[in-house]
């Protein structure tokens, strides 16, 4: 705990998954395994882009 660069909480991780959790509640999961994999890939790409300062929806 001597390294000041480390975060002491997990707020960043919780904020990152919040859109997925909300979407999951709205979709009640995907209809097929392929749809679930596709959703996971798209979610991962969008969130990675946002973490890198990009605007994936523009």
Protein backbone atom coordinates (compact mmCIF):
# COMPACT_ATOMS: atom_id res chain seq x y z
CA UNK A 1 0.00 0.00 0.00
CA UNK A 2 2.97 2.29 -0.35
CA UNK A 3 2.47 2.79 -4.10
CA UNK A 4 0.35 5.94 -4.57
CA UNK A 5 -0.47 4.98 -8.17
CA UNK A 6 -2.78 2.17 -7.06
CA UNK A 7 -6.47 2.84 -6.69
CA UNK A 8 -7.95 2.02 -3.29
CA UNK A 9 -11.42 1.27 -4.62
CA UNK A 10 -13.07 -0.40 -7.59
CA UNK A 11 -15.31 2.46 -8.74
CA UNK A 12 -13.68 2.56 -12.17
CA UNK A 13 -14.39 -1.14 -12.76
CA UNK A 14 -17.96 -0.80 -11.50
CA UNK A 15 -18.59 2.17 -13.81
CA UNK A 16 -17.19 0.19 -16.74
CA UNK A 17 -19.67 -2.67 -16.33
CA UNK A 18 -22.73 -0.56 -15.47
CA UNK A 19 -23.92 -0.18 -19.11
CA UNK A 20 -23.65 -3.94 -19.58
CA UNK A 21 -25.69 -4.64 -16.46
CA UNK A 22 -28.40 -2.20 -17.51
CA UNK A 23 -28.44 -3.68 -21.02
CA UNK A 24 -28.65 -7.20 -19.63
CA UNK A 25 -31.70 -6.25 -17.60
CA UNK A 26 -33.32 -4.73 -20.69
CA UNK A 27 -32.53 -7.68 -22.97
CA UNK A 28 -32.97 -10.51 -20.48
CA UNK A 29 -29.91 -12.11 -22.08
CA UNK A 30 -29.39 -13.01 -25.71
CA UNK A 31 -31.58 -15.48 -27.55
CA UNK A 32 -28.71 -17.67 -28.78
CA UNK A 33 -25.13 -18.47 -27.76
CA UNK A 34 -23.91 -16.75 -30.93
CA UNK A 35 -25.90 -13.64 -30.03
CA UNK A 36 -24.39 -13.66 -26.54
CA UNK A 37 -20.84 -13.91 -27.93
CA UNK A 38 -21.53 -11.14 -30.44
CA UNK A 39 -22.92 -8.88 -27.71
CA UNK A 40 -19.85 -9.53 -25.56
CA UNK A 41 -17.47 -8.67 -28.42
CA UNK A 42 -19.31 -5.46 -29.28
CA UNK A 43 -19.50 -4.42 -25.63
CA UNK A 44 -15.79 -5.08 -25.19
CA UNK A 45 -14.87 -3.02 -28.26
CA UNK A 46 -17.07 -0.09 -27.25
CA UNK A 47 -15.81 0.01 -23.66
CA UNK A 48 -12.17 -0.31 -24.76
CA UNK A 49 -12.64 2.57 -27.19
CA UNK A 50 -14.17 4.72 -24.43
CA UNK A 51 -11.28 3.90 -22.07
CA UNK A 52 -8.89 5.12 -24.77
CA UNK A 53 -10.65 8.46 -25.16
CA UNK A 54 -12.50 7.57 -28.36
CA UNK A 55 -16.19 8.17 -29.04
CA UNK A 56 -17.41 4.89 -30.55
CA UNK A 57 -20.93 6.12 -31.29
CA UNK A 58 -19.88 9.08 -33.43
